[in-house]
Structures are given as structure tokens and as C-alpha cells.
């Protein structure tokens, strides 16, 4: 009876990073591209910050300056972290699911802080809120997958 139950279960090939792990891989790669793109944008804004500050009211000028440096620093840190997460993913490190969960939560916290602190500087704060909500939905889906998936448990042996 037990042999039949074992043969009925589908064997998962853990030698390849397949299944929904491909979506996780795409998520990491696209996040890395996004953070490097942000790094380029805010580095360009750093050169033009004097012009931008003159266009804003005096009470927003200091906050805009802080915003540019904040976004530049977070883009640099998260671009680096994407490559670290990517490294742990391909090494099939047992800590990968935990590292990815911490990374995703940190990303949500940073996006939330950006919205709360700098949202009023944006021309379209609703777009920032929509991006934050979408990020939360994706984060929850990935975290649930990492916690419940048999493929993840067998590939990154907990």
C-alpha cells in the first residue's frame, strides 16, 4: 500500500531550477534591472537637483534633497542585494528562502517609507500607492510559495 502511494506521488527534479522557481528567478532578475534603472535615474537627478529645488516651494526644497539622496542610497543597496539574493539562489543555499523573504519585506518597508515621507512631493501619489499595493500582493504570493512549496523545500533543503 505504501509503495503505491509513493509511486502515485510525482517526483520533483531538484537538479534543475524549474517549476515556479523560474518565476522567482525572473522576479530577482527584473528587480535587479529595476533597481539599477532607479540608480541611473537618481544619479542623473543628483546633477540636476539645484534646478529641481528652485522649482519647488522653500519648505519642500530640503525634503527633495533628502529624497534624491535617500532614493540613490536605497537603489544602490537594493541593486547589490539583488545580486546577493541571485547568488544564493543559484548556489541553492539552504538560507535562500529566508534571505529572499527578508529582502522582500525590506523592499516593502522602503517603498512604504518612500510613500509616507515623500508621497506629497510626487505629481501622482496615487501611482506610488498603486505600486506599493501591487508590491505587497506580489510579496505575499512569493512568501506563501516559498513557505508551502515542496519544490522549494526539496531544492533548498530546509
N, C-alpha and C. Protein backbone atom coordinates (compact mmCIF):
# COMPACT_ATOMS: atom_id res chain seq x y z
N UNK A 1 0.83 -1.20 0.00
CA UNK A 1 0.00 0.00 0.00
C UNK A 1 0.86 1.25 0.00
N UNK A 2 1.91 1.26 0.82
CA UNK A 2 2.75 2.43 0.88
C UNK A 2 3.55 2.62 -0.41
N UNK A 3 3.92 1.53 -1.07
CA UNK A 3 4.64 1.64 -2.33
C UNK A 3 3.77 2.29 -3.40
N UNK A 4 2.48 1.96 -3.40
CA UNK A 4 1.56 2.58 -4.36
C UNK A 4 1.43 4.07 -4.11
N UNK A 5 1.39 4.47 -2.84
CA UNK A 5 1.29 5.89 -2.50
C UNK A 5 2.53 6.63 -2.96
N UNK A 6 3.68 6.02 -2.79
CA UNK A 6 4.93 6.66 -3.21
C UNK A 6 5.01 6.76 -4.73
N UNK A 7 4.55 5.76 -5.43
CA UNK A 7 4.63 5.80 -6.89
C UNK A 7 3.60 6.77 -7.47
N UNK A 8 2.50 6.99 -6.73
CA UNK A 8 1.49 7.95 -7.19
C UNK A 8 1.98 9.38 -7.08
N UNK A 9 2.87 9.63 -6.12
CA UNK A 9 3.40 10.99 -5.97
C UNK A 9 4.33 11.30 -7.12
N UNK A 10 4.23 12.47 -7.63
CA UNK A 10 5.09 12.89 -8.73
C UNK A 10 6.46 13.26 -8.18
N UNK A 11 7.48 12.71 -8.77
CA UNK A 11 8.84 13.03 -8.35
C UNK A 11 9.20 14.43 -8.84
N UNK A 12 9.85 15.18 -7.99
CA UNK A 12 10.28 16.53 -8.33
C UNK A 12 11.77 16.50 -8.61
N UNK A 13 12.13 16.97 -9.80
CA UNK A 13 13.54 17.02 -10.18
C UNK A 13 14.17 18.26 -9.56
N UNK A 14 15.01 18.05 -8.56
CA UNK A 14 15.64 19.19 -7.89
C UNK A 14 17.00 19.54 -8.48
N UNK A 15 17.42 18.79 -9.49
CA UNK A 15 18.69 19.10 -10.14
C UNK A 15 18.57 20.35 -11.00
N UNK A 16 17.35 20.62 -11.48
CA UNK A 16 17.12 21.83 -12.26
C UNK A 16 16.27 22.80 -11.45
N UNK A 17 16.43 24.06 -11.74
CA UNK A 17 15.62 25.07 -11.06
C UNK A 17 14.40 25.35 -11.94
N UNK A 18 13.41 24.48 -11.85
CA UNK A 18 12.24 24.59 -12.72
C UNK A 18 10.99 24.94 -11.94
N UNK A 19 9.87 24.70 -12.57
CA UNK A 19 8.58 24.99 -11.95
C UNK A 19 8.41 26.48 -11.71
N UNK A 20 7.78 26.79 -10.58
CA UNK A 20 7.55 28.19 -10.24
C UNK A 20 8.83 28.89 -9.78
N UNK A 21 9.90 28.13 -9.58
CA UNK A 21 11.18 28.77 -9.24
C UNK A 21 11.69 29.62 -10.40
N UNK A 22 11.23 29.32 -11.61
CA UNK A 22 11.58 30.16 -12.75
C UNK A 22 10.97 31.56 -12.57
N UNK A 23 9.76 31.61 -12.03
CA UNK A 23 9.13 32.90 -11.76
C UNK A 23 9.90 33.67 -10.68
N UNK A 24 10.39 32.95 -9.67
CA UNK A 24 11.20 33.59 -8.63
C UNK A 24 12.48 34.14 -9.24
N UNK A 25 13.09 33.35 -10.12
CA UNK A 25 14.30 33.79 -10.80
C UNK A 25 14.02 35.05 -11.63
N UNK A 26 12.92 35.06 -12.36
CA UNK A 26 12.55 36.24 -13.15
C UNK A 26 12.31 37.45 -12.25
N UNK A 27 11.66 37.22 -11.11
CA UNK A 27 11.42 38.29 -10.14
C UNK A 27 12.73 38.92 -9.68
N UNK A 28 13.71 38.08 -9.36
CA UNK A 28 15.00 38.59 -8.89
C UNK A 28 15.71 39.38 -9.99
N UNK A 29 15.71 38.83 -11.20
CA UNK A 29 16.38 39.50 -12.33
C UNK A 29 15.70 40.83 -12.65
N UNK A 30 14.37 40.83 -12.71
CA UNK A 30 13.65 42.07 -13.03
C UNK A 30 13.82 43.11 -11.92
N UNK A 31 13.86 42.66 -10.67
CA UNK A 31 14.12 43.60 -9.58
C UNK A 31 15.51 44.21 -9.70
N UNK A 32 16.49 43.40 -10.05
CA UNK A 32 17.85 43.92 -10.22
C UNK A 32 17.89 44.96 -11.32
N UNK A 33 17.23 44.67 -12.44
CA UNK A 33 17.19 45.63 -13.55
C UNK A 33 16.48 46.91 -13.12
N UNK A 34 15.40 46.77 -12.37
CA UNK A 34 14.65 47.93 -11.90
C UNK A 34 15.49 48.80 -10.97
N UNK A 35 16.19 48.18 -10.02
CA UNK A 35 17.00 48.96 -9.07
C UNK A 35 18.19 49.63 -9.77
N UNK A 36 18.79 48.95 -10.74
CA UNK A 36 19.89 49.58 -11.49
C UNK A 36 19.34 50.75 -12.31
N UNK A 37 18.14 50.59 -12.87
CA UNK A 37 17.50 51.71 -13.59
C UNK A 37 17.22 52.88 -12.67
N UNK A 38 16.72 52.59 -11.46
CA UNK A 38 16.49 53.66 -10.48
C UNK A 38 17.80 54.35 -10.12
N UNK A 39 18.85 53.57 -10.00
CA UNK A 39 20.17 54.13 -9.68
C UNK A 39 20.60 55.12 -10.75
N UNK A 40 20.38 54.78 -12.01
CA UNK A 40 20.72 55.68 -13.11
C UNK A 40 19.87 56.95 -13.08
N UNK A 41 18.58 56.79 -12.84
CA UNK A 41 17.67 57.94 -12.83
C UNK A 41 18.05 58.91 -11.71
N UNK A 42 18.25 58.39 -10.51
CA UNK A 42 18.53 59.28 -9.39
C UNK A 42 19.95 59.84 -9.43
N UNK A 43 20.85 59.14 -10.11
CA UNK A 43 22.20 59.71 -10.30
C UNK A 43 22.12 60.90 -11.25
N UNK A 44 21.27 60.79 -12.28
CA UNK A 44 21.06 61.93 -13.19
C UNK A 44 20.39 63.09 -12.44
N UNK A 45 19.41 62.76 -11.59
CA UNK A 45 18.72 63.81 -10.82
C UNK A 45 19.67 64.50 -9.86
N UNK A 46 20.67 63.78 -9.39
CA UNK A 46 21.64 64.37 -8.48
C UNK A 46 22.34 65.56 -9.14
N UNK A 47 22.62 65.44 -10.44
CA UNK A 47 23.25 66.54 -11.17
C UNK A 47 22.31 67.71 -11.43
N UNK A 48 21.01 67.42 -11.45
CA UNK A 48 20.02 68.46 -11.74
C UNK A 48 19.24 68.90 -10.51
N UNK A 49 19.71 68.54 -9.34
CA UNK A 49 18.91 68.82 -8.14
C UNK A 49 18.75 70.30 -7.85
N UNK A 50 19.74 71.11 -8.19
CA UNK A 50 19.63 72.56 -7.95
C UNK A 50 18.47 73.15 -8.75
N UNK A 51 18.31 72.71 -9.98
CA UNK A 51 17.22 73.19 -10.82
C UNK A 51 15.88 72.74 -10.25
N UNK A 52 15.81 71.48 -9.81
CA UNK A 52 14.57 70.96 -9.24
C UNK A 52 14.21 71.66 -7.93
N UNK A 53 15.21 71.94 -7.12
CA UNK A 53 14.96 72.60 -5.83
C UNK A 53 14.43 74.01 -6.04
N UNK A 54 14.92 74.71 -7.05
CA UNK A 54 14.44 76.08 -7.33
C UNK A 54 12.99 76.08 -7.78
N UNK A 55 12.53 74.97 -8.38
CA UNK A 55 11.15 74.89 -8.87
C UNK A 55 10.15 74.57 -7.75
N UNK A 56 10.63 74.08 -6.63
CA UNK A 56 9.75 73.69 -5.52
C UNK A 56 9.64 74.82 -4.50
N UNK A 57 8.59 74.84 -3.70
CA UNK A 57 8.50 75.81 -2.61
C UNK A 57 9.64 75.59 -1.61
N UNK A 58 10.02 76.63 -0.88
CA UNK A 58 11.16 76.51 0.05
C UNK A 58 11.02 75.40 1.09
N UNK A 59 9.80 75.13 1.55
CA UNK A 59 9.62 74.08 2.57
C UNK A 59 9.83 72.67 2.00
N UNK A 60 9.67 72.53 0.69
CA UNK A 60 9.88 71.23 0.06
C UNK A 60 11.30 71.04 -0.47
N UNK A 61 12.09 72.12 -0.52
CA UNK A 61 13.43 72.04 -1.11
C UNK A 61 14.34 71.09 -0.34
N UNK A 62 14.36 71.20 0.96
CA UNK A 62 15.22 70.33 1.76
C UNK A 62 14.74 68.87 1.68
N UNK A 63 13.44 68.68 1.69
CA UNK A 63 12.89 67.34 1.60
C UNK A 63 13.20 66.70 0.25
N UNK A 64 13.18 67.50 -0.81
CA UNK A 64 13.52 66.99 -2.14
C UNK A 64 14.99 66.57 -2.19
N UNK A 65 15.85 67.34 -1.56
CA UNK A 65 17.26 67.00 -1.49
C UNK A 65 17.45 65.66 -0.75
N UNK A 66 16.76 65.50 0.38
CA UNK A 66 16.83 64.26 1.14
C UNK A 66 16.27 63.10 0.31
N UNK A 67 15.17 63.37 -0.40
CA UNK A 67 14.55 62.34 -1.24
C UNK A 67 15.53 61.80 -2.29
N UNK A 68 16.24 62.68 -2.96
CA UNK A 68 17.18 62.25 -4.01
C UNK A 68 18.27 61.37 -3.40
N UNK A 69 18.85 61.80 -2.28
CA UNK A 69 19.90 61.00 -1.65
C UNK A 69 19.36 59.69 -1.09
N UNK A 70 18.15 59.72 -0.53
CA UNK A 70 17.51 58.51 0.00
C UNK A 70 17.30 57.49 -1.10
N UNK A 71 16.74 57.93 -2.21
CA UNK A 71 16.46 57.02 -3.32
C UNK A 71 17.76 56.50 -3.95
N UNK A 72 18.75 57.35 -4.03
CA UNK A 72 20.05 56.94 -4.56
C UNK A 72 20.67 55.86 -3.67
N UNK A 73 20.63 56.07 -2.36
CA UNK A 73 21.20 55.10 -1.42
C UNK A 73 20.43 53.78 -1.44
N UNK A 74 19.09 53.85 -1.42
CA UNK A 74 18.31 52.61 -1.43
C UNK A 74 18.47 51.87 -2.75
N UNK A 75 18.57 52.58 -3.84
CA UNK A 75 18.78 51.93 -5.13
C UNK A 75 20.12 51.21 -5.16
N UNK A 76 21.13 51.83 -4.62
CA UNK A 76 22.46 51.21 -4.58
C UNK A 76 22.44 49.96 -3.69
N UNK A 77 21.84 50.07 -2.52
CA UNK A 77 21.80 48.94 -1.58
C UNK A 77 20.97 47.79 -2.16
N UNK A 78 19.80 48.08 -2.70
CA UNK A 78 18.95 47.01 -3.20
C UNK A 78 19.46 46.41 -4.50
N UNK A 79 20.15 47.18 -5.32
CA UNK A 79 20.78 46.60 -6.52
C UNK A 79 21.83 45.58 -6.09
N UNK A 80 22.62 45.93 -5.08
CA UNK A 80 23.62 44.99 -4.56
C UNK A 80 22.94 43.76 -3.95
N UNK A 81 21.87 43.99 -3.16
CA UNK A 81 21.17 42.87 -2.52
C UNK A 81 20.54 41.92 -3.54
N UNK A 82 20.09 42.45 -4.67
CA UNK A 82 19.54 41.59 -5.72
C UNK A 82 20.58 40.59 -6.20
N UNK A 83 21.81 41.06 -6.37
CA UNK A 83 22.86 40.16 -6.82
C UNK A 83 23.24 39.16 -5.73
N UNK A 84 23.14 39.56 -4.47
CA UNK A 84 23.40 38.63 -3.36
C UNK A 84 22.32 37.55 -3.33
N UNK A 85 21.06 37.96 -3.46
CA UNK A 85 19.95 37.00 -3.47
C UNK A 85 20.10 36.06 -4.67
N UNK A 86 20.45 36.61 -5.81
CA UNK A 86 20.66 35.82 -7.03
C UNK A 86 21.76 34.78 -6.81
N UNK A 87 22.83 35.17 -6.15
CA UNK A 87 23.93 34.27 -5.85
C UNK A 87 23.45 33.11 -4.97
N UNK A 88 22.71 33.42 -3.91
CA UNK A 88 22.21 32.38 -3.02
C UNK A 88 21.21 31.45 -3.73
N UNK A 89 20.46 32.03 -4.67
CA UNK A 89 19.50 31.24 -5.43
C UNK A 89 20.23 30.18 -6.26
N UNK A 90 21.25 30.57 -6.99
CA UNK A 90 21.94 29.62 -7.86
C UNK A 90 22.88 28.69 -7.11
N UNK A 91 23.31 29.07 -5.94
CA UNK A 91 24.10 28.16 -5.11
C UNK A 91 23.21 27.17 -4.37
N UNK A 92 21.90 27.39 -4.46
CA UNK A 92 20.91 26.56 -3.77
C UNK A 92 21.19 26.48 -2.28
N UNK A 93 21.53 27.62 -1.75
CA UNK A 93 21.83 27.72 -0.33
C UNK A 93 20.56 27.46 0.48
N UNK A 94 20.72 26.78 1.59
CA UNK A 94 19.55 26.46 2.43
C UNK A 94 18.91 27.71 3.03
N UNK A 95 19.65 28.79 3.10
CA UNK A 95 19.13 30.03 3.67
C UNK A 95 18.42 30.90 2.63
N UNK A 96 18.42 30.47 1.35
CA UNK A 96 17.83 31.30 0.30
C UNK A 96 16.39 31.73 0.58
N UNK A 97 15.47 30.81 0.92
CA UNK A 97 14.10 31.27 1.16
C UNK A 97 14.01 32.35 2.24
N UNK A 98 14.77 32.19 3.32
CA UNK A 98 14.77 33.18 4.39
C UNK A 98 15.36 34.51 3.90
N UNK A 99 16.44 34.44 3.15
CA UNK A 99 17.08 35.66 2.63
C UNK A 99 16.14 36.39 1.68
N UNK A 100 15.44 35.65 0.81
CA UNK A 100 14.51 36.28 -0.12
C UNK A 100 13.33 36.91 0.63
N UNK A 101 12.84 36.23 1.66
CA UNK A 101 11.72 36.79 2.44
C UNK A 101 12.15 38.08 3.13
N UNK A 102 13.33 38.09 3.71
CA UNK A 102 13.84 39.31 4.36
C UNK A 102 14.01 40.42 3.33
N UNK A 103 14.55 40.07 2.16
CA UNK A 103 14.73 41.06 1.08
C UNK A 103 13.39 41.66 0.67
N UNK A 104 12.40 40.81 0.47
CA UNK A 104 11.08 41.30 0.02
C UNK A 104 10.44 42.19 1.08
N UNK A 105 10.53 41.80 2.34
CA UNK A 105 9.95 42.62 3.41
C UNK A 105 10.68 43.96 3.50
N UNK A 106 12.00 43.94 3.39
CA UNK A 106 12.76 45.20 3.42
C UNK A 106 12.37 46.10 2.25
N UNK A 107 12.16 45.51 1.10
CA UNK A 107 11.75 46.30 -0.07
C UNK A 107 10.39 46.95 0.15
N UNK A 108 9.45 46.22 0.73
CA UNK A 108 8.11 46.76 1.02
C UNK A 108 8.21 47.89 2.05
N UNK A 109 9.04 47.71 3.07
CA UNK A 109 9.22 48.75 4.09
C UNK A 109 9.80 50.01 3.46
N UNK A 110 10.79 49.87 2.59
CA UNK A 110 11.40 51.03 1.95
C UNK A 110 10.40 51.74 1.04
N UNK A 111 9.62 50.98 0.28
CA UNK A 111 8.59 51.59 -0.57
C UNK A 111 7.53 52.30 0.27
N UNK A 112 7.15 51.68 1.39
CA UNK A 112 6.17 52.31 2.29
C UNK A 112 6.70 53.61 2.88
N UNK A 113 7.96 53.60 3.32
CA UNK A 113 8.57 54.83 3.84
C UNK A 113 8.64 55.91 2.78
N UNK A 114 8.98 55.52 1.56
CA UNK A 114 9.03 56.49 0.47
C UNK A 114 7.66 57.14 0.25
N UNK A 115 6.62 56.32 0.31
CA UNK A 115 5.28 56.86 0.11
C UNK A 115 4.87 57.78 1.25
N UNK A 116 5.11 57.35 2.48
CA UNK A 116 4.69 58.13 3.64
C UNK A 116 5.47 59.45 3.75
N UNK A 117 6.78 59.37 3.57
CA UNK A 117 7.61 60.56 3.78
C UNK A 117 7.62 61.49 2.57
N UNK A 118 7.73 60.90 1.37
CA UNK A 118 7.94 61.72 0.17
C UNK A 118 6.75 61.72 -0.78
N UNK A 119 5.65 61.10 -0.40
CA UNK A 119 4.49 60.99 -1.29
C UNK A 119 3.94 62.33 -1.75
N UNK A 120 3.95 63.32 -0.88
CA UNK A 120 3.37 64.61 -1.26
C UNK A 120 4.25 65.37 -2.26
N UNK A 121 5.51 64.96 -2.43
CA UNK A 121 6.38 65.59 -3.43
C UNK A 121 6.07 65.12 -4.84
N UNK A 122 5.43 63.96 -4.93
CA UNK A 122 5.14 63.36 -6.22
C UNK A 122 4.00 64.10 -6.92
N UNK A 123 4.07 64.11 -8.24
CA UNK A 123 2.96 64.68 -9.01
C UNK A 123 1.75 63.76 -9.00
N UNK A 124 2.00 62.46 -8.78
CA UNK A 124 0.92 61.48 -8.77
C UNK A 124 1.12 60.50 -7.61
N UNK A 125 0.72 60.89 -6.39
CA UNK A 125 0.90 59.99 -5.24
C UNK A 125 0.05 58.72 -5.33
N UNK A 126 -1.05 58.77 -6.09
CA UNK A 126 -1.89 57.59 -6.25
C UNK A 126 -1.11 56.49 -6.98
N UNK A 127 -0.29 56.88 -7.94
CA UNK A 127 0.54 55.91 -8.66
C UNK A 127 1.54 55.24 -7.71
N UNK A 128 2.10 56.02 -6.79
CA UNK A 128 3.01 55.45 -5.79
C UNK A 128 2.27 54.45 -4.91
N UNK A 129 1.05 54.78 -4.52
CA UNK A 129 0.25 53.89 -3.68
C UNK A 129 -0.12 52.61 -4.43
N UNK A 130 -0.46 52.74 -5.72
CA UNK A 130 -0.77 51.56 -6.51
C UNK A 130 0.44 50.64 -6.65
N UNK A 131 1.62 51.24 -6.85
CA UNK A 131 2.85 50.45 -6.96
C UNK A 131 3.12 49.73 -5.64
N UNK A 132 2.90 50.40 -4.53
CA UNK A 132 3.09 49.79 -3.22
C UNK A 132 2.12 48.64 -3.00
N UNK A 133 0.86 48.84 -3.36
CA UNK A 133 -0.15 47.78 -3.20
C UNK A 133 0.19 46.57 -4.07
N UNK A 134 0.62 46.81 -5.30
CA UNK A 134 1.00 45.72 -6.19
C UNK A 134 2.20 44.97 -5.63
N UNK A 135 3.15 45.70 -5.09
CA UNK A 135 4.34 45.07 -4.50
C UNK A 135 3.97 44.19 -3.31
N UNK A 136 3.01 44.65 -2.52
CA UNK A 136 2.57 43.86 -1.36
C UNK A 136 1.90 42.57 -1.82
N UNK A 137 1.07 42.65 -2.85
CA UNK A 137 0.40 41.45 -3.36
C UNK A 137 1.42 40.44 -3.89
N UNK A 138 2.39 40.92 -4.66
CA UNK A 138 3.44 40.04 -5.19
C UNK A 138 4.26 39.45 -4.05
N UNK A 139 4.59 40.26 -3.05
CA UNK A 139 5.38 39.79 -1.91
C UNK A 139 4.65 38.69 -1.15
N UNK A 140 3.38 38.87 -0.92
CA UNK A 140 2.60 37.85 -0.21
C UNK A 140 2.57 36.55 -1.02
N UNK A 141 2.37 36.66 -2.32
CA UNK A 141 2.33 35.46 -3.17
C UNK A 141 3.67 34.71 -3.13
N UNK A 142 4.77 35.45 -3.21
CA UNK A 142 6.08 34.81 -3.19
C UNK A 142 6.38 34.19 -1.83
N UNK A 143 6.05 34.89 -0.77
CA UNK A 143 6.31 34.36 0.57
C UNK A 143 5.49 33.09 0.82
N UNK A 144 4.23 33.09 0.43
CA UNK A 144 3.39 31.90 0.59
C UNK A 144 3.97 30.75 -0.22
N UNK A 145 4.40 31.02 -1.45
CA UNK A 145 5.00 29.97 -2.27
C UNK A 145 6.27 29.41 -1.62
N UNK A 146 7.13 30.31 -1.14
CA UNK A 146 8.38 29.85 -0.52
C UNK A 146 8.13 29.00 0.72
N UNK A 147 7.09 29.31 1.46
CA UNK A 147 6.80 28.58 2.69
C UNK A 147 6.10 27.24 2.44
N UNK A 148 5.28 27.14 1.40
CA UNK A 148 4.45 25.95 1.21
C UNK A 148 4.94 25.00 0.12
N UNK A 149 5.77 25.43 -0.78
CA UNK A 149 6.12 24.62 -1.93
C UNK A 149 7.03 23.45 -1.59
N UNK A 150 6.67 22.29 -2.11
CA UNK A 150 7.50 21.10 -1.95
C UNK A 150 8.79 21.25 -2.75
N UNK A 151 8.70 21.85 -3.92
CA UNK A 151 9.89 22.05 -4.75
C UNK A 151 10.91 22.91 -4.02
N UNK A 152 10.46 23.96 -3.39
CA UNK A 152 11.38 24.82 -2.64
C UNK A 152 11.99 24.04 -1.49
N UNK A 153 11.18 23.28 -0.79
CA UNK A 153 11.69 22.51 0.35
C UNK A 153 12.71 21.47 -0.09
N UNK A 154 12.51 20.87 -1.25
CA UNK A 154 13.44 19.85 -1.72
C UNK A 154 14.67 20.46 -2.40
N UNK A 155 14.51 21.60 -3.04
CA UNK A 155 15.63 22.22 -3.74
C UNK A 155 16.57 22.92 -2.76
N UNK A 156 15.99 23.62 -1.79
CA UNK A 156 16.79 24.38 -0.83
C UNK A 156 16.71 23.72 0.54
N UNK A 157 16.77 22.45 0.60
CA UNK A 157 16.58 21.60 1.77
C UNK A 157 16.66 22.37 3.08
N UNK A 158 15.49 22.51 3.71
CA UNK A 158 15.41 23.27 4.96
C UNK A 158 16.07 22.51 6.08
